[in-house]
Protein backbone atom coordinates (compact mmCIF):
# COMPACT_ATOMS: atom_id res chain seq x y z
CA SER A 1 0.00 0.00 0.00
CA PRO A 2 1.44 3.39 -0.92
CA SER A 3 0.14 4.84 2.35
CA GLN A 4 2.07 2.42 4.57
CA THR A 5 5.77 1.75 4.98
CA TYR A 6 7.34 -1.45 6.26
CA SER A 7 10.97 -2.21 6.91
CA HIS A 8 12.93 -5.38 7.52
CA THR A 9 16.61 -5.95 8.22
CA THR A 10 18.33 -9.24 7.47
CA GLU A 11 21.69 -10.77 6.64
CA LYS A 12 20.05 -13.31 4.30
CA SER A 13 20.48 -13.08 0.53
CA SER A 14 16.76 -13.76 -0.03
CA VAL A 15 13.57 -12.76 1.78
CA LYS A 16 10.09 -14.18 1.15
CA ILE A 17 7.28 -11.70 1.86
CA GLY A 18 3.61 -12.47 2.48
CA ARG A 19 0.87 -13.08 5.06
CA ALA A 20 1.93 -16.66 5.89
CA LEU A 21 3.78 -17.17 9.14
CA THR A 22 6.31 -19.26 7.18
CA CYS A 23 7.48 -16.15 5.29
CA ASP A 24 10.66 -14.35 6.35
CA PHE A 25 8.81 -11.03 6.52
CA VAL A 26 5.14 -11.31 7.47
CA ILE A 27 2.78 -8.45 6.60
CA PRO A 28 -0.76 -9.13 7.89
CA LYS A 29 -2.67 -7.36 5.10
CA ASP A 30 -5.73 -8.90 3.43
CA ASP A 31 -4.70 -7.64 -0.03
CA LEU A 32 -1.37 -9.47 0.23
CA SER A 33 -1.08 -13.14 -0.77
CA ARG A 34 0.13 -15.77 1.69
CA GLU A 35 3.35 -15.84 -0.33
CA GLN A 36 3.50 -12.59 -2.31
CA CYS A 37 7.06 -12.24 -3.54
CA LEU A 38 10.70 -13.10 -3.09
CA PHE A 39 13.47 -10.50 -2.96
CA GLU A 40 16.99 -11.78 -3.73
CA ILE A 41 20.50 -10.46 -4.11
CA GLN A 42 22.70 -12.49 -6.46
CA ASN A 43 26.18 -11.38 -7.47
CA GLY A 44 25.41 -7.82 -6.39
CA GLU A 45 22.18 -7.65 -8.40
CA PHE A 46 18.72 -7.23 -6.89
CA PHE A 47 15.80 -9.43 -8.08
CA VAL A 48 12.11 -9.60 -7.21
CA THR A 49 9.92 -12.58 -8.10
CA ASP A 50 6.12 -12.69 -7.96
CA LEU A 51 5.27 -16.00 -6.30
CA GLY A 52 1.97 -16.37 -8.15
CA SER A 53 0.19 -13.74 -6.08
CA LYS A 54 -3.40 -12.77 -6.84
CA ASN A 55 -2.77 -9.03 -7.20
CA GLY A 56 0.68 -9.33 -8.74
CA ILE A 57 3.91 -7.41 -8.36
CA TYR A 58 4.55 -4.26 -10.38
CA VAL A 59 7.87 -2.65 -11.27
CA ASP A 60 7.72 0.68 -13.08
CA ARG A 61 3.94 0.17 -13.55
CA GLU A 62 4.49 -3.12 -15.39
CA ARG A 63 3.21 -6.36 -13.89
CA LEU A 64 5.89 -9.01 -13.53
CA ALA A 65 5.34 -12.50 -14.93
CA PRO A 66 4.78 -14.97 -12.07
CA ASN A 67 7.72 -17.08 -10.92
CA THR A 68 10.24 -15.18 -13.07
CA PRO A 69 13.00 -13.17 -11.37
């Protein structure tokens, strides 16, 4: 949501975000999927992957294809 800000600090190279308690970063919002997305750092590059979420993940107003970093 553009009106809310969340932050998370970790030493891990990947972080799964969603409502499920099994996620690394849990955000209890009804418009978020149980497993929304995965953020990763690989070789100094930053990747985000939509994990098949209902509402999708957008980068620069373009919806990402599910399960594709």
